[in-house]
Amino acid sequence: MKVVVGTDAELVEAADLTSLSVERRGEADVDAVLRAAGAGSAADEHAWLSIAWLRARGPAGDAEWPAGFAKMIHYAASKGWADAEHKTVRAHIV
């Protein structure tokens, strides 16, 4: 899945639970846009994305997506890519 950041933050490719990244469009201030959208924050080459924000934008009607998303977050946490409270998950900014 990917969060595209331009003038706003938008979740795209939500069905792809094998990767997570943030794509900067143009000269967007990724941190400011993520914070304004309630989607997370960013510093340097990484963003910390709100797990609740991502979950709320999952594909409607896909009964298997919530379990797959939970598995992705669990995997990220096992690698140290989620905070201790499981409120945010780290993603590379590309």
PDB file of N, CA and C in Angstrom:
ATOM      1  N   MET A   1       0.844  -1.167   0.000  1.00  0.00           N
ATOM      2  CA  MET A   1       0.000   0.000   0.000  1.00  0.00           C
ATOM      3  C   MET A   1       0.886   1.224   0.000  1.00  0.00           C
ATOM      4  N   LYS A   2       0.295   2.320  -0.434  1.00  0.00           N
ATOM      5  CA  LYS A   2       1.065   3.545  -0.571  1.00  0.00           C
ATOM      6  C   LYS A   2       0.211   4.726  -0.154  1.00  0.00           C
ATOM      7  N   VAL A   3       0.827   5.674   0.538  1.00  0.00           N
ATOM      8  CA  VAL A   3       0.187   6.943   0.846  1.00  0.00           C
ATOM      9  C   VAL A   3       0.825   7.981  -0.068  1.00  0.00           C
ATOM     10  N   VAL A   4       0.006   8.586  -0.910  1.00  0.00           N
ATOM     11  CA  VAL A   4       0.482   9.618  -1.823  1.00  0.00           C
ATOM     12  C   VAL A   4       0.251  10.967  -1.155  1.00  0.00           C
ATOM     13  N   VAL A   5       1.324  11.760  -1.068  1.00  0.00           N
ATOM     14  CA  VAL A   5       1.261  13.056  -0.404  1.00  0.00           C
ATOM     15  C   VAL A   5       1.553  14.150  -1.418  1.00  0.00           C
ATOM     16  N   GLY A   6       0.562  15.009  -1.610  1.00  0.00           N
ATOM     17  CA  GLY A   6       0.701  16.195  -2.449  1.00  0.00           C
ATOM     18  C   GLY A   6       0.124  17.350  -1.666  1.00  0.00           C
ATOM     19  N   THR A   7      -1.042  17.819  -2.103  1.00  0.00           N
ATOM     20  CA  THR A   7      -1.743  18.832  -1.318  1.00  0.00           C
ATOM     21  C   THR A   7      -2.552  18.192  -0.206  1.00  0.00           C
ATOM     22  N   ASP A   8      -2.755  16.873  -0.282  1.00  0.00           N
ATOM     23  CA  ASP A   8      -3.472  16.094   0.724  1.00  0.00           C
ATOM     24  C   ASP A   8      -2.802  14.726   0.802  1.00  0.00           C
ATOM     25  N   ALA A   9      -3.246  13.897   1.709  1.00  0.00           N
ATOM     26  CA  ALA A   9      -2.739  12.530   1.830  1.00  0.00           C
ATOM     27  C   ALA A   9      -3.836  11.576   1.381  1.00  0.00           C
ATOM     28  N   GLU A  10      -3.467  10.639   0.510  1.00  0.00           N
ATOM     29  CA  GLU A  10      -4.439   9.686  -0.029  1.00  0.00           C
ATOM     30  C   GLU A  10      -3.837   8.285  -0.009  1.00  0.00           C
ATOM     31  N   LEU A  11      -4.605   7.315   0.476  1.00  0.00           N
ATOM     32  CA  LEU A  11      -4.170   5.923   0.459  1.00  0.00           C
ATOM     33  C   LEU A  11      -4.522   5.320  -0.892  1.00  0.00           C
ATOM     34  N   VAL A  12      -3.517   4.749  -1.566  1.00  0.00           N
ATOM     35  CA  VAL A  12      -3.734   4.060  -2.834  1.00  0.00           C
ATOM     36  C   VAL A  12      -3.136   2.665  -2.726  1.00  0.00           C
ATOM     37  N   GLU A  13      -3.550   1.792  -3.614  1.00  0.00           N
ATOM     38  CA  GLU A  13      -3.060   0.412  -3.622  1.00  0.00           C
ATOM     39  C   GLU A  13      -3.257  -0.257  -2.262  1.00  0.00           C
ATOM     40  N   ALA A  14      -4.398   0.008  -1.637  1.00  0.00           N
ATOM     41  CA  ALA A  14      -4.671  -0.505  -0.290  1.00  0.00           C
ATOM     42  C   ALA A  14      -4.723  -2.026  -0.234  1.00  0.00           C
ATOM     43  N   ALA A  15      -5.024  -2.672  -1.339  1.00  0.00           N
ATOM     44  CA  ALA A  15      -5.107  -4.130  -1.340  1.00  0.00           C
ATOM     45  C   ALA A  15      -3.727  -4.785  -1.288  1.00  0.00           C
ATOM     46  N   ASP A  16      -2.668  -4.037  -1.607  1.00  0.00           N
ATOM     47  CA  ASP A  16      -1.307  -4.572  -1.566  1.00  0.00           C
ATOM     48  C   ASP A  16      -0.779  -4.477  -0.141  1.00  0.00           C
ATOM     49  N   LEU A  17      -0.855  -5.566   0.576  1.00  0.00           N
ATOM     50  CA  LEU A  17      -0.425  -5.600   1.975  1.00  0.00           C
ATOM     51  C   LEU A  17       0.992  -6.137   2.132  1.00  0.00           C
ATOM     52  N   THR A  18       1.756  -6.136   1.042  1.00  0.00           N
ATOM     53  CA  THR A  18       3.127  -6.644   1.094  1.00  0.00           C
ATOM     54  C   THR A  18       4.163  -5.537   1.208  1.00  0.00           C
ATOM     55  N   SER A  19       3.734  -4.286   1.093  1.00  0.00           N
ATOM     56  CA  SER A  19       4.677  -3.174   1.212  1.00  0.00           C
ATOM     57  C   SER A  19       3.939  -1.935   1.697  1.00  0.00           C
ATOM     58  N   LEU A  20       4.707  -0.986   2.211  1.00  0.00           N
ATOM     59  CA  LEU A  20       4.128   0.268   2.691  1.00  0.00           C
ATOM     60  C   LEU A  20       5.127   1.375   2.417  1.00  0.00           C
ATOM     61  N   SER A  21       4.675   2.413   1.718  1.00  0.00           N
ATOM     62  CA  SER A  21       5.554   3.541   1.429  1.00  0.00           C
ATOM     63  C   SER A  21       4.738   4.819   1.361  1.00  0.00           C
ATOM     64  N   VAL A  22       5.463   5.927   1.377  1.00  0.00           N
ATOM     65  CA  VAL A  22       4.866   7.245   1.202  1.00  0.00           C
ATOM     66  C   VAL A  22       5.503   7.847  -0.040  1.00  0.00           C
ATOM     67  N   GLU A  23       4.676   8.265  -0.969  1.00  0.00           N
ATOM     68  CA  GLU A  23       5.169   8.879  -2.202  1.00  0.00           C
ATOM     69  C   GLU A  23       4.933  10.379  -2.145  1.00  0.00           C
ATOM     70  N   ARG A  24       6.023  11.133  -2.251  1.00  0.00           N
ATOM     71  CA  ARG A  24       5.925  12.593  -2.249  1.00  0.00           C
ATOM     72  C   ARG A  24       5.667  13.064  -3.683  1.00  0.00           C
ATOM     73  N   ARG A  25       4.640  13.894  -3.845  1.00  0.00           N
ATOM     74  CA  ARG A  25       4.356  14.503  -5.145  1.00  0.00           C
ATOM     75  C   ARG A  25       4.901  15.925  -5.147  1.00  0.00           C
ATOM     76  N   GLY A  26       5.728  16.228  -6.112  1.00  0.00           N
ATOM     77  CA  GLY A  26       6.277  17.574  -6.217  1.00  0.00           C
ATOM     78  C   GLY A  26       7.130  17.927  -5.015  1.00  0.00           C
ATOM     79  N   GLU A  27       6.945  19.128  -4.536  1.00  0.00           N
ATOM     80  CA  GLU A  27       7.720  19.638  -3.402  1.00  0.00           C
ATOM     81  C   GLU A  27       6.904  19.606  -2.106  1.00  0.00           C
ATOM     82  N   ALA A  28       5.957  18.705  -2.009  1.00  0.00           N
ATOM     83  CA  ALA A  28       5.072  18.639  -0.841  1.00  0.00           C
ATOM     84  C   ALA A  28       5.865  18.531   0.455  1.00  0.00           C
ATOM     85  N   ASP A  29       5.410  19.242   1.477  1.00  0.00           N
ATOM     86  CA  ASP A  29       5.958  19.116   2.828  1.00  0.00           C
ATOM     87  C   ASP A  29       5.251  17.916   3.458  1.00  0.00           C
ATOM     88  N   VAL A  30       5.887  16.761   3.376  1.00  0.00           N
ATOM     89  CA  VAL A  30       5.253  15.506   3.795  1.00  0.00           C
ATOM     90  C   VAL A  30       4.786  15.573   5.240  1.00  0.00           C
ATOM     91  N   ASP A  31       5.610  16.073   6.128  1.00  0.00           N
ATOM     92  CA  ASP A  31       5.229  16.147   7.539  1.00  0.00           C
ATOM     93  C   ASP A  31       3.986  17.012   7.721  1.00  0.00           C
ATOM     94  N   ALA A  32       3.971  18.185   7.136  1.00  0.00           N
ATOM     95  CA  ALA A  32       2.829  19.097   7.297  1.00  0.00           C
ATOM     96  C   ALA A  32       1.549  18.498   6.728  1.00  0.00           C
ATOM     97  N   VAL A  33       1.639  17.871   5.559  1.00  0.00           N
ATOM     98  CA  VAL A  33       0.443  17.293   4.929  1.00  0.00           C
ATOM     99  C   VAL A  33      -0.076  16.111   5.742  1.00  0.00           C
ATOM    100  N   LEU A  34       0.822  15.225   6.182  1.00  0.00           N
ATOM    101  CA  LEU A  34       0.384  14.081   6.991  1.00  0.00           C
ATOM    102  C   LEU A  34      -0.273  14.540   8.282  1.00  0.00           C
ATOM    103  N   ARG A  35       0.325  15.519   8.947  1.00  0.00           N
ATOM    104  CA  ARG A  35      -0.249  16.028  10.201  1.00  0.00           C
ATOM    105  C   ARG A  35      -1.616  16.663   9.959  1.00  0.00           C
ATOM    106  N   ALA A  36      -1.746  17.467   8.917  1.00  0.00           N
ATOM    107  CA  ALA A  36      -3.018  18.131   8.622  1.00  0.00           C
ATOM    108  C   ALA A  36      -4.120  17.124   8.312  1.00  0.00           C
ATOM    109  N   ALA A  37      -3.752  16.007   7.692  1.00  0.00           N
ATOM    110  CA  ALA A  37      -4.731  14.972   7.337  1.00  0.00           C
ATOM    111  C   ALA A  37      -5.023  14.021   8.492  1.00  0.00           C
ATOM    112  N   GLY A  38      -4.270  14.133   9.585  1.00  0.00           N
ATOM    113  CA  GLY A  38      -4.421  13.182  10.685  1.00  0.00           C
ATOM    114  C   GLY A  38      -3.842  11.824  10.349  1.00  0.00           C
ATOM    115  N   ALA A  39      -2.930  11.802   9.353  1.00  0.00           N
ATOM    116  CA  ALA A  39      -2.389  10.546   8.851  1.00  0.00           C
ATOM    117  C   ALA A  39      -1.061  10.157   9.474  1.00  0.00           C
ATOM    118  N   GLY A  40      -0.429  11.069  10.213  1.00  0.00           N
ATOM    119  CA  GLY A  40       0.847  10.744  10.830  1.00  0.00           C
ATOM    120  C   GLY A  40       1.794  11.913  10.806  1.00  0.00           C
ATOM    121  N   SER A  41       3.098  11.597  10.721  1.00  0.00           N
ATOM    122  CA  SER A  41       4.142  12.619  10.706  1.00  0.00           C
ATOM    123  C   SER A  41       5.327  12.073   9.921  1.00  0.00           C
ATOM    124  N   ALA A  42       6.293  12.958   9.645  1.00  0.00           N
ATOM    125  CA  ALA A  42       7.463  12.523   8.885  1.00  0.00           C
ATOM    126  C   ALA A  42       8.696  13.288   9.330  1.00  0.00           C
ATOM    127  N   ALA A  43       9.836  12.629   9.188  1.00  0.00           N
ATOM    128  CA  ALA A  43      11.137  13.247   9.436  1.00  0.00           C
ATOM    129  C   ALA A  43      12.163  12.516   8.583  1.00  0.00           C
ATOM    130  N   ASP A  44      13.019  13.277   7.937  1.00  0.00           N
ATOM    131  CA  ASP A  44      14.062  12.712   7.090  1.00  0.00           C
ATOM    132  C   ASP A  44      13.448  11.817   6.013  1.00  0.00           C
ATOM    133  N   GLU A  45      13.863  10.568   5.961  1.00  0.00           N
ATOM    134  CA  GLU A  45      13.416   9.648   4.903  1.00  0.00           C
ATOM    135  C   GLU A  45      12.286   8.715   5.335  1.00  0.00           C
ATOM    136  N   HIS A  46      11.723   8.941   6.525  1.00  0.00           N
ATOM    137  CA  HIS A  46      10.675   8.050   7.030  1.00  0.00           C
ATOM    138  C   HIS A  46       9.444   8.820   7.478  1.00  0.00           C
ATOM    139  N   ALA A  47       8.322   8.153   7.361  1.00  0.00           N
ATOM    140  CA  ALA A  47       7.064   8.673   7.897  1.00  0.00           C
ATOM    141  C   ALA A  47       6.568   7.686   8.938  1.00  0.00           C
ATOM    142  N   TRP A  48       5.886   8.205   9.939  1.00  0.00           N
ATOM    143  CA  TRP A  48       5.195   7.376  10.925  1.00  0.00           C
ATOM    144  C   TRP A  48       3.711   7.573  10.662  1.00  0.00           C
ATOM    145  N   LEU A  49       3.076   6.546  10.104  1.00  0.00           N
ATOM    146  CA  LEU A  49       1.682   6.632   9.681  1.00  0.00           C
ATOM    147  C   LEU A  49       0.746   6.108  10.754  1.00  0.00           C
ATOM    148  N   SER A  50      -0.374   6.784  10.899  1.00  0.00           N
ATOM    149  CA  SER A  50      -1.401   6.364  11.851  1.00  0.00           C
ATOM    150  C   SER A  50      -2.036   5.061  11.375  1.00  0.00           C
ATOM    151  N   ILE A  51      -1.954   4.045  12.204  1.00  0.00           N
ATOM    152  CA  ILE A  51      -2.560   2.756  11.858  1.00  0.00           C
ATOM    153  C   ILE A  51      -4.072   2.898  11.753  1.00  0.00           C
ATOM    154  N   ALA A  52      -4.676   3.684  12.625  1.00  0.00           N
ATOM    155  CA  ALA A  52      -6.131   3.900  12.560  1.00  0.00           C
ATOM    156  C   ALA A  52      -6.517   4.602  11.262  1.00  0.00           C
ATOM    157  N   TRP A  53      -5.721   5.576  10.822  1.00  0.00           N
ATOM    158  CA  TRP A  53      -5.995   6.298   9.573  1.00  0.00           C
ATOM    159  C   TRP A  53      -5.924   5.336   8.394  1.00  0.00           C
ATOM    160  N   LEU A  54      -4.900   4.496   8.360  1.00  0.00           N
ATOM    161  CA  LEU A  54      -4.770   3.511   7.281  1.00  0.00           C
ATOM    162  C   LEU A  54      -5.945   2.536   7.299  1.00  0.00           C
ATOM    163  N   ARG A  55      -6.264   2.009   8.481  1.00  0.00           N
ATOM    164  CA  ARG A  55      -7.346   1.024   8.616  1.00  0.00           C
ATOM    165  C   ARG A  55      -8.676   1.593   8.130  1.00  0.00           C
ATOM    166  N   ALA A  56      -8.937   2.851   8.458  1.00  0.00           N
ATOM    167  CA  ALA A  56     -10.206   3.482   8.078  1.00  0.00           C
ATOM    168  C   ALA A  56     -10.342   3.648   6.570  1.00  0.00           C
ATOM    169  N   ARG A  57      -9.233   3.582   5.847  1.00  0.00           N
ATOM    170  CA  ARG A  57      -9.266   3.771   4.403  1.00  0.00           C
ATOM    171  C   ARG A  57      -9.086   2.470   3.631  1.00  0.00           C
ATOM    172  N   GLY A  58      -9.183   1.357   4.325  1.00  0.00           N
ATOM    173  CA  GLY A  58      -9.079   0.062   3.667  1.00  0.00           C
ATOM    174  C   GLY A  58     -10.218  -0.142   2.688  1.00  0.00           C
ATOM    175  N   PRO A  59     -10.049  -1.071   1.757  1.00  0.00           N
ATOM    176  CA  PRO A  59     -11.072  -1.290   0.735  1.00  0.00           C
ATOM    177  C   PRO A  59     -12.390  -1.788   1.330  1.00  0.00           C
ATOM    178  N   ALA A  60     -13.448  -1.094   1.003  1.00  0.00           N
ATOM    179  CA  ALA A  60     -14.788  -1.490   1.465  1.00  0.00           C
ATOM    180  C   ALA A  60     -15.192  -2.787   0.774  1.00  0.00           C
ATOM    181  N   GLY A  61     -15.836  -3.645   1.507  1.00  0.00           N
ATOM    182  CA  GLY A  61     -16.359  -4.870   0.921  1.00  0.00           C
ATOM    183  C   GLY A  61     -15.371  -6.015   0.830  1.00  0.00           C
ATOM    184  N   ASP A  62     -14.147  -5.823   1.252  1.00  0.00           N
ATOM    185  CA  ASP A  62     -13.155  -6.895   1.230  1.00  0.00           C
ATOM    186  C   ASP A  62     -13.087  -7.499   2.631  1.00  0.00           C
ATOM    187  N   ALA A  63     -13.778  -8.612   2.818  1.00  0.00           N
ATOM    188  CA  ALA A  63     -13.889  -9.226   4.141  1.00  0.00           C
ATOM    189  C   ALA A  63     -12.547  -9.730   4.676  1.00  0.00           C
ATOM    190  N   GLU A  64     -11.595 -10.013   3.799  1.00  0.00           N
ATOM    191  CA  GLU A  64     -10.303 -10.549   4.225  1.00  0.00           C
ATOM    192  C   GLU A  64      -9.278  -9.459   4.536  1.00  0.00           C
ATOM    193  N   TRP A  65      -9.538  -8.230   4.086  1.00  0.00           N
ATOM    194  CA  TRP A  65      -8.552  -7.158   4.247  1.00  0.00           C
ATOM    195  C   TRP A  65      -8.220  -6.855   5.710  1.00  0.00           C
ATOM    196  N   PRO A  66      -9.190  -6.737   6.618  1.00  0.00           N
ATOM    197  CA  PRO A  66      -8.835  -6.414   8.009  1.00  0.00           C
ATOM    198  C   PRO A  66      -7.845  -7.405   8.631  1.00  0.00           C
ATOM    199  N   ALA A  67      -8.025  -8.687   8.379  1.00  0.00           N
ATOM    200  CA  ALA A  67      -7.105  -9.688   8.928  1.00  0.00           C
ATOM    201  C   ALA A  67      -5.732  -9.573   8.272  1.00  0.00           C
ATOM    202  N   GLY A  68      -5.704  -9.342   6.971  1.00  0.00           N
ATOM    203  CA  GLY A  68      -4.436  -9.159   6.271  1.00  0.00           C
ATOM    204  C   GLY A  68      -3.705  -7.914   6.738  1.00  0.00           C
ATOM    205  N   PHE A  69      -4.447  -6.842   6.979  1.00  0.00           N
ATOM    206  CA  PHE A  69      -3.857  -5.602   7.473  1.00  0.00           C
ATOM    207  C   PHE A  69      -3.267  -5.823   8.866  1.00  0.00           C
ATOM    208  N   ALA A  70      -4.007  -6.511   9.727  1.00  0.00           N
ATOM    209  CA  ALA A  70      -3.512  -6.805  11.077  1.00  0.00           C
ATOM    210  C   ALA A  70      -2.227  -7.632  11.011  1.00  0.00           C
ATOM    211  N   LYS A  71      -2.169  -8.575  10.088  1.00  0.00           N
ATOM    212  CA  LYS A  71      -0.970  -9.399   9.915  1.00  0.00           C
ATOM    213  C   LYS A  71       0.210  -8.532   9.458  1.00  0.00           C
ATOM    214  N   MET A  72      -0.039  -7.593   8.553  1.00  0.00           N
ATOM    215  CA  MET A  72       1.011  -6.696   8.085  1.00  0.00           C
ATOM    216  C   MET A  72       1.558  -5.855   9.239  1.00  0.00           C
ATOM    217  N   ILE A  73       0.666  -5.329  10.072  1.00  0.00           N
ATOM    218  CA  ILE A  73       1.090  -4.512  11.212  1.00  0.00           C
ATOM    219  C   ILE A  73       1.862  -5.360  12.217  1.00  0.00           C
ATOM    220  N   HIS A  74       1.411  -6.581  12.444  1.00  0.00           N
ATOM    221  CA  HIS A  74       2.121  -7.486  13.354  1.00  0.00           C
ATOM    222  C   HIS A  74       3.540  -7.749  12.838  1.00  0.00           C
ATOM    223  N   TYR A  75       3.668  -7.981  11.547  1.00  0.00           N
ATOM    224  CA  TYR A  75       4.985  -8.204  10.950  1.00  0.00           C
ATOM    225  C   TYR A  75       5.860  -6.963  11.127  1.00  0.00           C
ATOM    226  N   ALA A  76       5.299  -5.795  10.834  1.00  0.00           N
ATOM    227  CA  ALA A  76       6.052  -4.544  10.988  1.00  0.00           C
ATOM    228  C   ALA A  76       6.520  -4.375  12.433  1.00  0.00           C
ATOM    229  N   ALA A  77       5.656  -4.677  13.375  1.00  0.00           N
ATOM    230  CA  ALA A  77       6.017  -4.557  14.793  1.00  0.00           C
ATOM    231  C   ALA A  77       7.154  -5.511  15.147  1.00  0.00           C
ATOM    232  N   SER A  78       7.135  -6.712  14.580  1.00  0.00           N
ATOM    233  CA  SER A  78       8.190  -7.687  14.872  1.00  0.00           C
ATOM    234  C   SER A  78       9.551  -7.226  14.359  1.00  0.00           C
ATOM    235  N   LYS A  79       9.557  -6.326  13.389  1.00  0.00           N
ATOM    236  CA  LYS A  79      10.794  -5.779  12.820  1.00  0.00           C
ATOM    237  C   LYS A  79      11.179  -4.444  13.445  1.00  0.00           C
ATOM    238  N   GLY A  80      10.365  -3.964  14.391  1.00  0.00           N
ATOM    239  CA  GLY A  80      10.643  -2.679  15.021  1.00  0.00           C
ATOM    240  C   GLY A  80      10.122  -1.494  14.235  1.00  0.00           C
ATOM    241  N   TRP A  81       9.210  -1.739  13.304  1.00  0.00           N
ATOM    242  CA  TRP A  81       8.690  -0.685  12.431  1.00  0.00           C
ATOM    243  C   TRP A  81       7.348  -0.142  12.901  1.00  0.00           C
ATOM    244  N   ALA A  82       6.915  -0.502  14.092  1.00  0.00           N
ATOM    245  CA  ALA A  82       5.681   0.049  14.672  1.00  0.00           C
ATOM    246  C   ALA A  82       6.014   0.504  16.086  1.00  0.00           C
ATOM    247  N   ASP A  83       5.315   1.521  16.554  1.00  0.00           N
ATOM    248  CA  ASP A  83       5.576   1.988  17.916  1.00  0.00           C
ATOM    249  C   ASP A  83       5.027   0.981  18.924  1.00  0.00           C
ATOM    250  N   ALA A  84       5.436   1.129  20.153  1.00  0.00           N
ATOM    251  CA  ALA A  84       5.085   0.165  21.201  1.00  0.00           C
ATOM    252  C   ALA A  84       3.581   0.033  21.409  1.00  0.00           C
ATOM    253  N   GLU A  85       2.852   1.109  21.214  1.00  0.00           N
ATOM    254  CA  GLU A  85       1.397   1.084  21.420  1.00  0.00           C
ATOM    255  C   GLU A  85       0.635   0.659  20.164  1.00  0.00           C
ATOM    256  N   HIS A  86       1.366   0.391  19.085  1.00  0.00           N
ATOM    257  CA  HIS A  86       0.764   0.022  17.797  1.00  0.00           C
ATOM    258  C   HIS A  86      -0.202   1.097  17.294  1.00  0.00           C
ATOM    259  N   LYS A  87       0.186   2.348  17.478  1.00  0.00           N
ATOM    260  CA  LYS A  87      -0.611   3.457  16.945  1.00  0.00           C
ATOM    261  C   LYS A  87      -0.057   3.955  15.621  1.00  0.00           C
ATOM    262  N   THR A  88       1.250   3.789  15.405  1.00  0.00           N
ATOM    263  CA  THR A  88       1.862   4.223  14.155  1.00  0.00           C
ATOM    264  C   THR A  88       2.786   3.144  13.609  1.00  0.00           C
ATOM    265  N   VAL A  89       2.987   3.200  12.297  1.00  0.00           N
ATOM    266  CA  VAL A  89       3.863   2.263  11.607  1.00  0.00           C
ATOM    267  C   VAL A  89       4.784   3.078  10.692  1.00  0.00           C
ATOM    268  N   ARG A  90       6.028   2.653  10.587  1.00  0.00           N
ATOM    269  CA  ARG A  90       7.025   3.392   9.812  1.00  0.00           C
ATOM    270  C   ARG A  90       6.979   3.007   8.340  1.00  0.00           C
ATOM    271  N   ALA A  91       7.167   4.003   7.490  1.00  0.00           N
ATOM    272  CA  ALA A  91       7.214   3.786   6.044  1.00  0.00           C
ATOM    273  C   ALA A  91       8.304   4.662   5.446  1.00  0.00           C
ATOM    274  N   HIS A  92       8.939   4.172   4.391  1.00  0.00           N
ATOM    275  CA  HIS A  92       9.932   4.962   3.667  1.00  0.00           C
ATOM    276  C   HIS A  92       9.226   6.002   2.810  1.00  0.00           C
ATOM    277  N   ILE A  93       9.837   7.167   2.704  1.00  0.00           N
ATOM    278  CA  ILE A  93       9.349   8.198   1.789  1.00  0.00           C
ATOM    279  C   ILE A  93      10.124   8.039   0.489  1.00  0.00           C
ATOM    280  N   VAL A  94       9.396   7.864  -0.601  1.00  0.00           N
ATOM    281  CA  VAL A  94      10.035   7.675  -1.913  1.00  0.00           C
ATOM    282  C   VAL A  94       9.701   8.812  -2.851  1.00  0.00           C
TER     283      VAL A  94
END
